[in-house]
Amino acid sequence: MNHKYYELVSICRKYKVLTPEDAYPEIILQGQKFNIVPTLTLYDYSYRTEYIIFDKAINWAEESGILCTDEDLLFSDPYPSIVEWCQKHCEYTESRIKQLPQSIPIILVNHYPLIQNMATCI
């Protein structure tokens, strides 16, 4: 269990901020029900330009001068890497989404673009 992460979740809950650990609320927009699904994806490096090899993504970012400071400041405990933490959290989220009624569309919430062409617009 990543204690720092859950400490942040606790702070968010104190201020009534929805987290990826909370129940997914149902909302109604223009008469249509939706489930809001906050996600935690971190940096799994699968979201990169296709010519960059997965295992070389961090080196490429560092050489390009765009390495995120999270590489030095984010701790993945108990997972051996941020990549593994991300993968496990994505699997956890996917399993929770599968438990939702399929008749209700979901709205994924994240601070990263969820599709590649959105990233090129930023």
PDB file of N, CA and C in Angstrom:
ATOM      1  N   MET A   1       0.841  -1.173   0.000  1.00  0.00           N
ATOM      2  CA  MET A   1       0.000   0.000   0.000  1.00  0.00           C
ATOM      3  C   MET A   1       0.889   1.240   0.000  1.00  0.00           C
ATOM      4  N   ASN A   2       0.609   2.155  -0.897  1.00  0.00           N
ATOM      5  CA  ASN A   2       1.373   3.393  -0.989  1.00  0.00           C
ATOM      6  C   ASN A   2       0.804   4.389   0.025  1.00  0.00           C
ATOM      7  N   HIS A   3       1.504   4.526   1.143  1.00  0.00           N
ATOM      8  CA  HIS A   3       0.997   5.352   2.246  1.00  0.00           C
ATOM      9  C   HIS A   3       0.818   6.808   1.847  1.00  0.00           C
ATOM     10  N   LYS A   4       1.735   7.346   1.075  1.00  0.00           N
ATOM     11  CA  LYS A   4       1.638   8.746   0.652  1.00  0.00           C
ATOM     12  C   LYS A   4       0.401   8.951  -0.227  1.00  0.00           C
ATOM     13  N   TYR A   5       0.162   8.025  -1.134  1.00  0.00           N
ATOM     14  CA  TYR A   5      -1.013   8.109  -2.002  1.00  0.00           C
ATOM     15  C   TYR A   5      -2.290   8.127  -1.167  1.00  0.00           C
ATOM     16  N   TYR A   6      -2.404   7.193  -0.212  1.00  0.00           N
ATOM     17  CA  TYR A   6      -3.611   7.127   0.595  1.00  0.00           C
ATOM     18  C   TYR A   6      -3.727   8.307   1.552  1.00  0.00           C
ATOM     19  N   GLU A   7      -2.617   8.891   1.922  1.00  0.00           N
ATOM     20  CA  GLU A   7      -2.657  10.125   2.707  1.00  0.00           C
ATOM     21  C   GLU A   7      -3.285  11.247   1.864  1.00  0.00           C
ATOM     22  N   LEU A   8      -2.906  11.316   0.599  1.00  0.00           N
ATOM     23  CA  LEU A   8      -3.496  12.315  -0.305  1.00  0.00           C
ATOM     24  C   LEU A   8      -4.980  12.038  -0.553  1.00  0.00           C
ATOM     25  N   VAL A   9      -5.336  10.764  -0.688  1.00  0.00           N
ATOM     26  CA  VAL A   9      -6.753  10.396  -0.845  1.00  0.00           C
ATOM     27  C   VAL A   9      -7.535  10.876   0.367  1.00  0.00           C
ATOM     28  N   SER A  10      -6.976  10.690   1.548  1.00  0.00           N
ATOM     29  CA  SER A  10      -7.635  11.116   2.780  1.00  0.00           C
ATOM     30  C   SER A  10      -7.836  12.636   2.809  1.00  0.00           C
ATOM     31  N   ILE A  11      -6.845  13.370   2.386  1.00  0.00           N
ATOM     32  CA  ILE A  11      -6.958  14.834   2.325  1.00  0.00           C
ATOM     33  C   ILE A  11      -8.049  15.233   1.334  1.00  0.00           C
ATOM     34  N   CYS A  12      -8.060  14.581   0.172  1.00  0.00           N
ATOM     35  CA  CYS A  12      -9.093  14.871  -0.831  1.00  0.00           C
ATOM     36  C   CYS A  12     -10.482  14.621  -0.265  1.00  0.00           C
ATOM     37  N   ARG A  13     -10.646  13.521   0.413  1.00  0.00           N
ATOM     38  CA  ARG A  13     -11.955  13.188   0.982  1.00  0.00           C
ATOM     39  C   ARG A  13     -12.388  14.216   2.024  1.00  0.00           C
ATOM     40  N   LYS A  14     -11.415  14.720   2.778  1.00  0.00           N
ATOM     41  CA  LYS A  14     -11.711  15.747   3.788  1.00  0.00           C
ATOM     42  C   LYS A  14     -12.361  16.961   3.125  1.00  0.00           C
ATOM     43  N   TYR A  15     -11.931  17.266   1.907  1.00  0.00           N
ATOM     44  CA  TYR A  15     -12.462  18.415   1.171  1.00  0.00           C
ATOM     45  C   TYR A  15     -13.535  18.011   0.155  1.00  0.00           C
ATOM     46  N   LYS A  16     -14.015  16.771   0.282  1.00  0.00           N
ATOM     47  CA  LYS A  16     -15.083  16.243  -0.574  1.00  0.00           C
ATOM     48  C   LYS A  16     -14.699  16.204  -2.057  1.00  0.00           C
ATOM     49  N   VAL A  17     -13.421  15.921  -2.319  1.00  0.00           N
ATOM     50  CA  VAL A  17     -12.924  15.757  -3.683  1.00  0.00           C
ATOM     51  C   VAL A  17     -12.985  14.271  -4.031  1.00  0.00           C
ATOM     52  N   LEU A  18     -13.612  13.949  -5.133  1.00  0.00           N
ATOM     53  CA  LEU A  18     -13.744  12.571  -5.580  1.00  0.00           C
ATOM     54  C   LEU A  18     -12.378  12.023  -5.978  1.00  0.00           C
ATOM     55  N   THR A  19     -12.063  10.808  -5.524  1.00  0.00           N
ATOM     56  CA  THR A  19     -10.776  10.185  -5.844  1.00  0.00           C
ATOM     57  C   THR A  19     -10.996   8.867  -6.580  1.00  0.00           C
ATOM     58  N   PRO A  20      -9.937   8.316  -7.168  1.00  0.00           N
ATOM     59  CA  PRO A  20     -10.068   7.005  -7.826  1.00  0.00           C
ATOM     60  C   PRO A  20     -10.412   5.878  -6.858  1.00  0.00           C
ATOM     61  N   GLU A  21     -10.343   6.128  -5.571  1.00  0.00           N
ATOM     62  CA  GLU A  21     -10.644   5.102  -4.570  1.00  0.00           C
ATOM     63  C   GLU A  21     -12.099   5.127  -4.118  1.00  0.00           C
ATOM     64  N   ASP A  22     -12.839   6.150  -4.493  1.00  0.00           N
ATOM     65  CA  ASP A  22     -14.217   6.301  -4.045  1.00  0.00           C
ATOM     66  C   ASP A  22     -15.187   5.562  -4.963  1.00  0.00           C
ATOM     67  N   ALA A  23     -16.408   5.380  -4.453  1.00  0.00           N
ATOM     68  CA  ALA A  23     -17.471   4.814  -5.288  1.00  0.00           C
ATOM     69  C   ALA A  23     -17.695   5.757  -6.468  1.00  0.00           C
ATOM     70  N   TYR A  24     -17.987   5.184  -7.609  1.00  0.00           N
ATOM     71  CA  TYR A  24     -18.217   5.988  -8.804  1.00  0.00           C
ATOM     72  C   TYR A  24     -19.641   6.538  -8.774  1.00  0.00           C
ATOM     73  N   PRO A  25     -19.781   7.848  -8.668  1.00  0.00           N
ATOM     74  CA  PRO A  25     -21.128   8.408  -8.575  1.00  0.00           C
ATOM     75  C   PRO A  25     -21.862   8.377  -9.910  1.00  0.00           C
ATOM     76  N   GLU A  26     -23.164   8.311  -9.791  1.00  0.00           N
ATOM     77  CA  GLU A  26     -24.039   8.414 -10.958  1.00  0.00           C
ATOM     78  C   GLU A  26     -24.521   9.857 -11.030  1.00  0.00           C
ATOM     79  N   ILE A  27     -24.455  10.441 -12.224  1.00  0.00           N
ATOM     80  CA  ILE A  27     -24.984  11.784 -12.416  1.00  0.00           C
ATOM     81  C   ILE A  27     -25.958  11.753 -13.589  1.00  0.00           C
ATOM     82  N   ILE A  28     -26.769  12.772 -13.677  1.00  0.00           N
ATOM     83  CA  ILE A  28     -27.689  12.889 -14.804  1.00  0.00           C
ATOM     84  C   ILE A  28     -27.374  14.186 -15.529  1.00  0.00           C
ATOM     85  N   LEU A  29     -27.058  14.075 -16.808  1.00  0.00           N
ATOM     86  CA  LEU A  29     -26.785  15.227 -17.671  1.00  0.00           C
ATOM     87  C   LEU A  29     -27.766  15.196 -18.822  1.00  0.00           C
ATOM     88  N   GLN A  30     -28.528  16.237 -18.948  1.00  0.00           N
ATOM     89  CA  GLN A  30     -29.531  16.344 -20.013  1.00  0.00           C
ATOM     90  C   GLN A  30     -30.399  15.082 -20.099  1.00  0.00           C
ATOM     91  N   GLY A  31     -30.821  14.607 -18.935  1.00  0.00           N
ATOM     92  CA  GLY A  31     -31.713  13.457 -18.883  1.00  0.00           C
ATOM     93  C   GLY A  31     -31.043  12.101 -19.029  1.00  0.00           C
ATOM     94  N   GLN A  32     -29.734  12.054 -19.236  1.00  0.00           N
ATOM     95  CA  GLN A  32     -28.989  10.798 -19.427  1.00  0.00           C
ATOM     96  C   GLN A  32     -28.148  10.509 -18.183  1.00  0.00           C
ATOM     97  N   LYS A  33     -28.204   9.275 -17.686  1.00  0.00           N
ATOM     98  CA  LYS A  33     -27.369   8.864 -16.557  1.00  0.00           C
ATOM     99  C   LYS A  33     -25.950   8.568 -17.044  1.00  0.00           C
ATOM    100  N   PHE A  34     -24.980   8.910 -16.213  1.00  0.00           N
ATOM    101  CA  PHE A  34     -23.572   8.594 -16.453  1.00  0.00           C
ATOM    102  C   PHE A  34     -22.934   8.213 -15.120  1.00  0.00           C
ATOM    103  N   ASN A  35     -21.899   7.366 -15.185  1.00  0.00           N
ATOM    104  CA  ASN A  35     -21.043   7.127 -14.026  1.00  0.00           C
ATOM    105  C   ASN A  35     -19.762   7.925 -14.220  1.00  0.00           C
ATOM    106  N   ILE A  36     -19.358   8.648 -13.193  1.00  0.00           N
ATOM    107  CA  ILE A  36     -18.096   9.387 -13.208  1.00  0.00           C
ATOM    108  C   ILE A  36     -17.014   8.464 -12.663  1.00  0.00           C
ATOM    109  N   VAL A  37     -15.946   8.264 -13.439  1.00  0.00           N
ATOM    110  CA  VAL A  37     -14.868   7.351 -13.050  1.00  0.00           C
ATOM    111  C   VAL A  37     -13.537   8.104 -13.049  1.00  0.00           C
ATOM    112  N   PRO A  38     -13.120   8.582 -11.866  1.00  0.00           N
ATOM    113  CA  PRO A  38     -11.789   9.197 -11.789  1.00  0.00           C
ATOM    114  C   PRO A  38     -10.726   8.105 -11.909  1.00  0.00           C
ATOM    115  N   THR A  39      -9.673   8.384 -12.639  1.00  0.00           N
ATOM    116  CA  THR A  39      -8.638   7.374 -12.863  1.00  0.00           C
ATOM    117  C   THR A  39      -7.279   7.854 -12.379  1.00  0.00           C
ATOM    118  N   LEU A  40      -6.437   6.906 -12.077  1.00  0.00           N
ATOM    119  CA  LEU A  40      -5.045   7.175 -11.732  1.00  0.00           C
ATOM    120  C   LEU A  40      -4.204   6.364 -12.704  1.00  0.00           C
ATOM    121  N   THR A  41      -3.524   7.035 -13.613  1.00  0.00           N
ATOM    122  CA  THR A  41      -2.718   6.300 -14.582  1.00  0.00           C
ATOM    123  C   THR A  41      -1.230   6.566 -14.433  1.00  0.00           C
ATOM    124  N   LEU A  42      -0.867   7.647 -13.808  1.00  0.00           N
ATOM    125  CA  LEU A  42       0.543   7.984 -13.621  1.00  0.00           C
ATOM    126  C   LEU A  42       1.284   7.938 -14.953  1.00  0.00           C
ATOM    127  N   TYR A  43       2.514   7.423 -14.918  1.00  0.00           N
ATOM    128  CA  TYR A  43       3.342   7.403 -16.118  1.00  0.00           C
ATOM    129  C   TYR A  43       3.649   5.963 -16.493  1.00  0.00           C
ATOM    130  N   ASP A  44       2.848   5.408 -17.363  1.00  0.00           N
ATOM    131  CA  ASP A  44       3.129   4.032 -17.768  1.00  0.00           C
ATOM    132  C   ASP A  44       3.962   3.982 -19.043  1.00  0.00           C
ATOM    133  N   TYR A  45       4.177   5.097 -19.681  1.00  0.00           N
ATOM    134  CA  TYR A  45       5.041   5.251 -20.853  1.00  0.00           C
ATOM    135  C   TYR A  45       4.565   4.509 -22.088  1.00  0.00           C
ATOM    136  N   SER A  46       3.383   3.928 -22.023  1.00  0.00           N
ATOM    137  CA  SER A  46       2.829   3.356 -23.249  1.00  0.00           C
ATOM    138  C   SER A  46       2.261   4.477 -24.110  1.00  0.00           C
ATOM    139  N   TYR A  47       2.028   5.606 -23.509  1.00  0.00           N
ATOM    140  CA  TYR A  47       1.475   6.777 -24.185  1.00  0.00           C
ATOM    141  C   TYR A  47       2.651   7.644 -24.630  1.00  0.00           C
ATOM    142  N   ARG A  48       3.189   7.310 -25.780  1.00  0.00           N
ATOM    143  CA  ARG A  48       4.393   7.980 -26.272  1.00  0.00           C
ATOM    144  C   ARG A  48       4.396   7.900 -27.791  1.00  0.00           C
ATOM    145  N   THR A  49       5.251   8.649 -28.392  1.00  0.00           N
ATOM    146  CA  THR A  49       5.397   8.586 -29.840  1.00  0.00           C
ATOM    147  C   THR A  49       5.869   7.189 -30.218  1.00  0.00           C
ATOM    148  N   GLU A  50       5.324   6.646 -31.290  1.00  0.00           N
ATOM    149  CA  GLU A  50       5.582   5.248 -31.644  1.00  0.00           C
ATOM    150  C   GLU A  50       7.047   4.929 -31.947  1.00  0.00           C
ATOM    151  N   TYR A  51       7.846   5.932 -32.313  1.00  0.00           N
ATOM    152  CA  TYR A  51       9.252   5.639 -32.621  1.00  0.00           C
ATOM    153  C   TYR A  51      10.119   5.539 -31.365  1.00  0.00           C
ATOM    154  N   ILE A  52       9.559   5.826 -30.205  1.00  0.00           N
ATOM    155  CA  ILE A  52      10.306   5.716 -28.957  1.00  0.00           C
ATOM    156  C   ILE A  52       9.998   4.362 -28.331  1.00  0.00           C
ATOM    157  N   ILE A  53      11.038   3.579 -28.111  1.00  0.00           N
ATOM    158  CA  ILE A  53      10.893   2.252 -27.519  1.00  0.00           C
ATOM    159  C   ILE A  53      10.486   2.410 -26.059  1.00  0.00           C
ATOM    160  N   PHE A  54       9.537   1.585 -25.625  1.00  0.00           N
ATOM    161  CA  PHE A  54       9.004   1.659 -24.267  1.00  0.00           C
ATOM    162  C   PHE A  54      10.113   1.742 -23.218  1.00  0.00           C
ATOM    163  N   ASP A  55      11.082   0.845 -23.289  1.00  0.00           N
ATOM    164  CA  ASP A  55      12.151   0.797 -22.288  1.00  0.00           C
ATOM    165  C   ASP A  55      13.084   2.008 -22.337  1.00  0.00           C
ATOM    166  N   LYS A  56      13.003   2.786 -23.402  1.00  0.00           N
ATOM    167  CA  LYS A  56      13.886   3.942 -23.557  1.00  0.00           C
ATOM    168  C   LYS A  56      13.154   5.279 -23.348  1.00  0.00           C
ATOM    169  N   ALA A  57      11.894   5.226 -22.980  1.00  0.00           N
ATOM    170  CA  ALA A  57      11.091   6.450 -22.876  1.00  0.00           C
ATOM    171  C   ALA A  57      11.656   7.434 -21.854  1.00  0.00           C
ATOM    172  N   ILE A  58      12.084   6.941 -20.686  1.00  0.00           N
ATOM    173  CA  ILE A  58      12.625   7.845 -19.664  1.00  0.00           C
ATOM    174  C   ILE A  58      13.932   8.455 -20.145  1.00  0.00           C
ATOM    175  N   ASN A  59      14.791   7.645 -20.752  1.00  0.00           N
ATOM    176  CA  ASN A  59      16.059   8.178 -21.282  1.00  0.00           C
ATOM    177  C   ASN A  59      15.798   9.229 -22.352  1.00  0.00           C
ATOM    178  N   TRP A  60      14.841   8.951 -23.235  1.00  0.00           N
ATOM    179  CA  TRP A  60      14.489   9.899 -24.286  1.00  0.00           C
ATOM    180  C   TRP A  60      14.007  11.220 -23.689  1.00  0.00           C
ATOM    181  N   ALA A  61      13.138  11.144 -22.690  1.00  0.00           N
ATOM    182  CA  ALA A  61      12.620  12.361 -22.054  1.00  0.00           C
ATOM    183  C   ALA A  61      13.745  13.152 -21.405  1.00  0.00           C
ATOM    184  N   GLU A  62      14.635  12.454 -20.735  1.00  0.00           N
ATOM    185  CA  GLU A  62      15.760  13.123 -20.064  1.00  0.00           C
ATOM    186  C   GLU A  62      16.673  13.790 -21.090  1.00  0.00           C
ATOM    187  N   GLU A  63      17.010  13.079 -22.161  1.00  0.00           N
ATOM    188  CA  GLU A  63      17.870  13.632 -23.212  1.00  0.00           C
ATOM    189  C   GLU A  63      17.214  14.821 -23.915  1.00  0.00           C
ATOM    190  N   SER A  64      15.881  14.809 -23.983  1.00  0.00           N
ATOM    191  CA  SER A  64      15.141  15.892 -24.641  1.00  0.00           C
ATOM    192  C   SER A  64      14.892  17.080 -23.711  1.00  0.00           C
ATOM    193  N   GLY A  65      15.256  16.932 -22.447  1.00  0.00           N
ATOM    194  CA  GLY A  65      15.053  18.015 -21.491  1.00  0.00           C
ATOM    195  C   GLY A  65      13.615  18.143 -21.009  1.00  0.00           C
ATOM    196  N   ILE A  66      12.831  17.056 -21.115  1.00  0.00           N
ATOM    197  CA  ILE A  66      11.424  17.124 -20.710  1.00  0.00           C
ATOM    198  C   ILE A  66      11.080  16.086 -19.644  1.00  0.00           C
ATOM    199  N   LEU A  67      12.077  15.618 -18.921  1.00  0.00           N
ATOM    200  CA  LEU A  67      11.827  14.628 -17.881  1.00  0.00           C
ATOM    201  C   LEU A  67      11.005  15.261 -16.764  1.00  0.00           C
ATOM    202  N   CYS A  68       9.943  14.613 -16.386  1.00  0.00           N
ATOM    203  CA  CYS A  68       9.059  15.105 -15.329  1.00  0.00           C
ATOM    204  C   CYS A  68       9.759  14.965 -13.975  1.00  0.00           C
ATOM    205  N   THR A  69       9.605  15.960 -13.139  1.00  0.00           N
ATOM    206  CA  THR A  69      10.224  15.896 -11.808  1.00  0.00           C
ATOM    207  C   THR A  69       9.646  14.769 -10.961  1.00  0.00           C
ATOM    208  N   ASP A  70       8.471  14.270 -11.322  1.00  0.00           N
ATOM    209  CA  ASP A  70       7.901  13.135 -10.594  1.00  0.00           C
ATOM    210  C   ASP A  70       8.820  11.924 -10.630  1.00  0.00           C
ATOM    211  N   GLU A  71       9.655  11.838 -11.653  1.00  0.00           N
ATOM    212  CA  GLU A  71      10.595  10.711 -11.731  1.00  0.00           C
ATOM    213  C   GLU A  71      11.502  10.678 -10.509  1.00  0.00           C
ATOM    214  N   ASP A  72      11.766  11.840  -9.930  1.00  0.00           N
ATOM    215  CA  ASP A  72      12.618  11.913  -8.742  1.00  0.00           C
ATOM    216  C   ASP A  72      11.807  12.026  -7.452  1.00  0.00           C
ATOM    217  N   LEU A  73      10.569  12.501  -7.547  1.00  0.00           N
ATOM    218  CA  LEU A  73       9.807  12.813  -6.342  1.00  0.00           C
ATOM    219  C   LEU A  73       8.700  11.824  -6.006  1.00  0.00           C
ATOM    220  N   LEU A  74       8.268  11.020  -6.965  1.00  0.00           N
ATOM    221  CA  LEU A  74       7.159  10.106  -6.754  1.00  0.00           C
ATOM    222  C   LEU A  74       7.688   8.732  -6.347  1.00  0.00           C
ATOM    223  N   PHE A  75       7.155   8.190  -5.279  1.00  0.00           N
ATOM    224  CA  PHE A  75       7.578   6.880  -4.798  1.00  0.00           C
ATOM    225  C   PHE A  75       6.475   5.866  -5.074  1.00  0.00           C
ATOM    226  N   SER A  76       6.857   4.726  -5.578  1.00  0.00           N
ATOM    227  CA  SER A  76       5.885   3.718  -6.015  1.00  0.00           C
ATOM    228  C   SER A  76       5.627   2.628  -4.984  1.00  0.00           C
ATOM    229  N   ASP A  77       6.190   2.739  -3.802  1.00  0.00           N
ATOM    230  CA  ASP A  77       6.015   1.707  -2.782  1.00  0.00           C
ATOM    231  C   ASP A  77       4.567   1.268  -2.682  1.00  0.00           C
ATOM    232  N   PRO A  78       4.275   0.023  -2.618  1.00  0.00           N
ATOM    233  CA  PRO A  78       5.164  -1.121  -2.478  1.00  0.00           C
ATOM    234  C   PRO A  78       5.609  -1.722  -3.812  1.00  0.00           C
ATOM    235  N   TYR A  79       5.258  -1.078  -4.909  1.00  0.00           N
ATOM    236  CA  TYR A  79       5.622  -1.595  -6.224  1.00  0.00           C
ATOM    237  C   TYR A  79       7.052  -1.200  -6.558  1.00  0.00           C
ATOM    238  N   PRO A  80       7.741  -2.031  -7.311  1.00  0.00           N
ATOM    239  CA  PRO A  80       9.144  -1.750  -7.635  1.00  0.00           C
ATOM    240  C   PRO A  80       9.332  -0.554  -8.575  1.00  0.00           C
ATOM    241  N   SER A  81       8.261  -0.170  -9.287  1.00  0.00           N
ATOM    242  CA  SER A  81       8.400   0.946 -10.225  1.00  0.00           C
ATOM    243  C   SER A  81       7.067   1.662 -10.400  1.00  0.00           C
ATOM    244  N   ILE A  82       7.139   2.886 -10.894  1.00  0.00           N
ATOM    245  CA  ILE A  82       5.937   3.648 -11.200  1.00  0.00           C
ATOM    246  C   ILE A  82       5.144   2.936 -12.296  1.00  0.00           C
ATOM    247  N   VAL A  83       5.852   2.348 -13.251  1.00  0.00           N
ATOM    248  CA  VAL A  83       5.198   1.624 -14.342  1.00  0.00           C
ATOM    249  C   VAL A  83       4.333   0.494 -13.777  1.00  0.00           C
ATOM    250  N   GLU A  84       4.890  -0.280 -12.838  1.00  0.00           N
ATOM    251  CA  GLU A  84       4.128  -1.392 -12.262  1.00  0.00           C
ATOM    252  C   GLU A  84       2.961  -0.874 -11.421  1.00  0.00           C
ATOM    253  N   TRP A  85       3.183   0.200 -10.679  1.00  0.00           N
ATOM    254  CA  TRP A  85       2.106   0.791  -9.884  1.00  0.00           C
ATOM    255  C   TRP A  85       0.965   1.220 -10.809  1.00  0.00           C
ATOM    256  N   CYS A  86       1.313   1.874 -11.893  1.00  0.00           N
ATOM    257  CA  CYS A  86       0.319   2.320 -12.861  1.00  0.00           C
ATOM    258  C   CYS A  86      -0.448   1.129 -13.431  1.00  0.00           C
ATOM    259  N   GLN A  87       0.269   0.107 -13.823  1.00  0.00           N
ATOM    260  CA  GLN A  87      -0.376  -1.076 -14.404  1.00  0.00           C
ATOM    261  C   GLN A  87      -1.359  -1.695 -13.421  1.00  0.00           C
ATOM    262  N   LYS A  88      -0.949  -1.831 -12.168  1.00  0.00           N
ATOM    263  CA  LYS A  88      -1.827  -2.432 -11.156  1.00  0.00           C
ATOM    264  C   LYS A  88      -3.046  -1.553 -10.913  1.00  0.00           C
ATOM    265  N   HIS A  89      -2.860  -0.243 -10.899  1.00  0.00           N
ATOM    266  CA  HIS A  89      -4.002   0.634 -10.664  1.00  0.00           C
ATOM    267  C   HIS A  89      -4.953   0.644 -11.860  1.00  0.00           C
ATOM    268  N   CYS A  90      -4.401   0.540 -13.057  1.00  0.00           N
ATOM    269  CA  CYS A  90      -5.269   0.442 -14.245  1.00  0.00           C
ATOM    270  C   CYS A  90      -6.085  -0.849 -14.199  1.00  0.00           C
ATOM    271  N   GLU A  91      -5.469  -1.958 -13.803  1.00  0.00           N
ATOM    272  CA  GLU A  91      -6.178  -3.229 -13.678  1.00  0.00           C
ATOM    273  C   GLU A  91      -7.273  -3.134 -12.610  1.00  0.00           C
ATOM    274  N   TYR A  92      -6.953  -2.484 -11.498  1.00  0.00           N
ATOM    275  CA  TYR A  92      -7.913  -2.278 -10.409  1.00  0.00           C
ATOM    276  C   TYR A  92      -9.105  -1.465 -10.907  1.00  0.00           C
ATOM    277  N   THR A  93      -8.837  -0.382 -11.615  1.00  0.00           N
ATOM    278  CA  THR A  93      -9.902   0.468 -12.142  1.00  0.00           C
ATOM    279  C   THR A  93     -10.742  -0.289 -13.158  1.00  0.00           C
ATOM    280  N   GLU A  94     -10.082  -1.030 -14.037  1.00  0.00           N
ATOM    281  CA  GLU A  94     -10.811  -1.806 -15.044  1.00  0.00           C
ATOM    282  C   GLU A  94     -11.751  -2.816 -14.385  1.00  0.00           C
ATOM    283  N   SER A  95     -11.283  -3.462 -13.329  1.00  0.00           N
ATOM    284  CA  SER A  95     -12.135  -4.445 -12.653  1.00  0.00           C
ATOM    285  C   SER A  95     -13.335  -3.760 -12.001  1.00  0.00           C
ATOM    286  N   ARG A  96     -13.149  -2.558 -11.492  1.00  0.00           N
ATOM    287  CA  ARG A  96     -14.263  -1.814 -10.895  1.00  0.00           C
ATOM    288  C   ARG A  96     -15.249  -1.343 -11.969  1.00  0.00           C
ATOM    289  N   ILE A  97     -14.733  -0.921 -13.111  1.00  0.00           N
ATOM    290  CA  ILE A  97     -15.603  -0.481 -14.210  1.00  0.00           C
ATOM    291  C   ILE A  97     -16.464  -1.645 -14.692  1.00  0.00           C
ATOM    292  N   LYS A  98     -15.899  -2.842 -14.747  1.00  0.00           N
ATOM    293  CA  LYS A  98     -16.651  -4.014 -15.201  1.00  0.00           C
ATOM    294  C   LYS A  98     -17.823  -4.339 -14.284  1.00  0.00           C
ATOM    295  N   GLN A  99     -17.789  -3.849 -13.061  1.00  0.00           N
ATOM    296  CA  GLN A  99     -18.875  -4.091 -12.111  1.00  0.00           C
ATOM    297  C   GLN A  99     -20.016  -3.082 -12.273  1.00  0.00           C
ATOM    298  N   LEU A 100     -19.791  -2.033 -13.029  1.00  0.00           N
ATOM    299  CA  LEU A 100     -20.827  -1.025 -13.254  1.00  0.00           C
ATOM    300  C   LEU A 100     -21.848  -1.548 -14.265  1.00  0.00           C
ATOM    301  N   PRO A 101     -23.086  -1.058 -14.174  1.00  0.00           N
ATOM    302  CA  PRO A 101     -24.077  -1.464 -15.184  1.00  0.00           C
ATOM    303  C   PRO A 101     -23.641  -1.012 -16.576  1.00  0.00           C
ATOM    304  N   GLN A 102     -23.614  -1.935 -17.512  1.00  0.00           N
ATOM    305  CA  GLN A 102     -23.165  -1.607 -18.869  1.00  0.00           C
ATOM    306  C   GLN A 102     -24.135  -0.697 -19.601  1.00  0.00           C
ATOM    307  N   SER A 103     -25.336  -0.579 -19.083  1.00  0.00           N
ATOM    308  CA  SER A 103     -26.330   0.279 -19.733  1.00  0.00           C
ATOM    309  C   SER A 103     -26.109   1.762 -19.441  1.00  0.00           C
ATOM    310  N   ILE A 104     -25.221   2.058 -18.492  1.00  0.00           N
ATOM    311  CA  ILE A 104     -24.948   3.457 -18.131  1.00  0.00           C
ATOM    312  C   ILE A 104     -23.562   3.828 -18.651  1.00  0.00           C
ATOM    313  N   PRO A 105     -23.476   4.824 -19.543  1.00  0.00           N
ATOM    314  CA  PRO A 105     -22.158   5.240 -20.049  1.00  0.00           C
ATOM    315  C   PRO A 105     -21.286   5.798 -18.917  1.00  0.00           C
ATOM    316  N   ILE A 106     -19.985   5.717 -19.122  1.00  0.00           N
ATOM    317  CA  ILE A 106     -19.060   6.260 -18.123  1.00  0.00           C
ATOM    318  C   ILE A 106     -18.350   7.488 -18.674  1.00  0.00           C
ATOM    319  N   ILE A 107     -17.966   8.346 -17.762  1.00  0.00           N
ATOM    320  CA  ILE A 107     -17.131   9.499 -18.088  1.00  0.00           C
ATOM    321  C   ILE A 107     -15.826   9.306 -17.324  1.00  0.00           C
ATOM    322  N   LEU A 108     -14.747   9.070 -18.063  1.00  0.00           N
ATOM    323  CA  LEU A 108     -13.429   8.918 -17.442  1.00  0.00           C
ATOM    324  C   LEU A 108     -12.868  10.297 -17.126  1.00  0.00           C
ATOM    325  N   VAL A 109     -12.329  10.443 -15.929  1.00  0.00           N
ATOM    326  CA  VAL A 109     -11.752  11.716 -15.505  1.00  0.00           C
ATOM    327  C   VAL A 109     -10.284  11.487 -15.177  1.00  0.00           C
ATOM    328  N   ASN A 110      -9.435  12.292 -15.787  1.00  0.00           N
ATOM    329  CA  ASN A 110      -8.000  12.196 -15.561  1.00  0.00           C
ATOM    330  C   ASN A 110      -7.387  13.535 -15.909  1.00  0.00           C
ATOM    331  N   HIS A 111      -6.181  13.767 -15.463  1.00  0.00           N
ATOM    332  CA  HIS A 111      -5.526  15.019 -15.825  1.00  0.00           C
ATOM    333  C   HIS A 111      -4.608  14.852 -17.028  1.00  0.00           C
ATOM    334  N   TYR A 112      -4.630  13.682 -17.651  1.00  0.00           N
ATOM    335  CA  TYR A 112      -3.899  13.450 -18.896  1.00  0.00           C
ATOM    336  C   TYR A 112      -4.900  13.331 -20.040  1.00  0.00           C
ATOM    337  N   PRO A 113      -4.502  13.719 -21.251  1.00  0.00           N
ATOM    338  CA  PRO A 113      -5.385  13.428 -22.393  1.00  0.00           C
ATOM    339  C   PRO A 113      -5.525  11.921 -22.529  1.00  0.00           C
ATOM    340  N   LEU A 114      -6.720  11.448 -22.796  1.00  0.00           N
ATOM    341  CA  LEU A 114      -6.961  10.010 -22.877  1.00  0.00           C
ATOM    342  C   LEU A 114      -6.833   9.450 -24.284  1.00  0.00           C
ATOM    343  N   ILE A 115      -6.726  10.338 -25.276  1.00  0.00           N
ATOM    344  CA  ILE A 115      -6.500   9.879 -26.641  1.00  0.00           C
ATOM    345  C   ILE A 115      -5.376  10.699 -27.252  1.00  0.00           C
ATOM    346  N   GLN A 116      -4.595  10.082 -28.111  1.00  0.00           N
ATOM    347  CA  GLN A 116      -3.386  10.690 -28.654  1.00  0.00           C
ATOM    348  C   GLN A 116      -3.650  12.016 -29.364  1.00  0.00           C
ATOM    349  N   ASN A 117      -4.705  12.103 -30.189  1.00  0.00           N
ATOM    350  CA  ASN A 117      -4.908  13.344 -30.946  1.00  0.00           C
ATOM    351  C   ASN A 117      -5.247  14.515 -30.040  1.00  0.00           C
ATOM    352  N   MET A 118      -5.725  14.267 -28.820  1.00  0.00           N
ATOM    353  CA  MET A 118      -5.960  15.352 -27.866  1.00  0.00           C
ATOM    354  C   MET A 118      -4.631  15.928 -27.407  1.00  0.00           C
ATOM    355  N   ALA A 119      -3.634  15.070 -27.255  1.00  0.00           N
ATOM    356  CA  ALA A 119      -2.323  15.531 -26.780  1.00  0.00           C
ATOM    357  C   ALA A 119      -1.662  16.438 -27.818  1.00  0.00           C
ATOM    358  N   THR A 120      -1.892  16.168 -29.074  1.00  0.00           N
ATOM    359  CA  THR A 120      -1.257  16.992 -30.106  1.00  0.00           C
ATOM    360  C   THR A 120      -1.913  18.367 -30.218  1.00  0.00           C
ATOM    361  N   CYS A 121      -3.103  18.526 -29.646  1.00  0.00           N
ATOM    362  CA  CYS A 121      -3.796  19.815 -29.680  1.00  0.00           C
ATOM    363  C   CYS A 121      -3.333  20.741 -28.571  1.00  0.00           C
ATOM    364  N   ILE A 122      -2.674  20.193 -27.587  1.00  0.00           N
ATOM    365  CA  ILE A 122      -2.294  20.990 -26.403  1.00  0.00           C
ATOM    366  C   ILE A 122      -0.994  21.734 -26.650  1.00  0.00           C
TER     367      ILE A 122
END
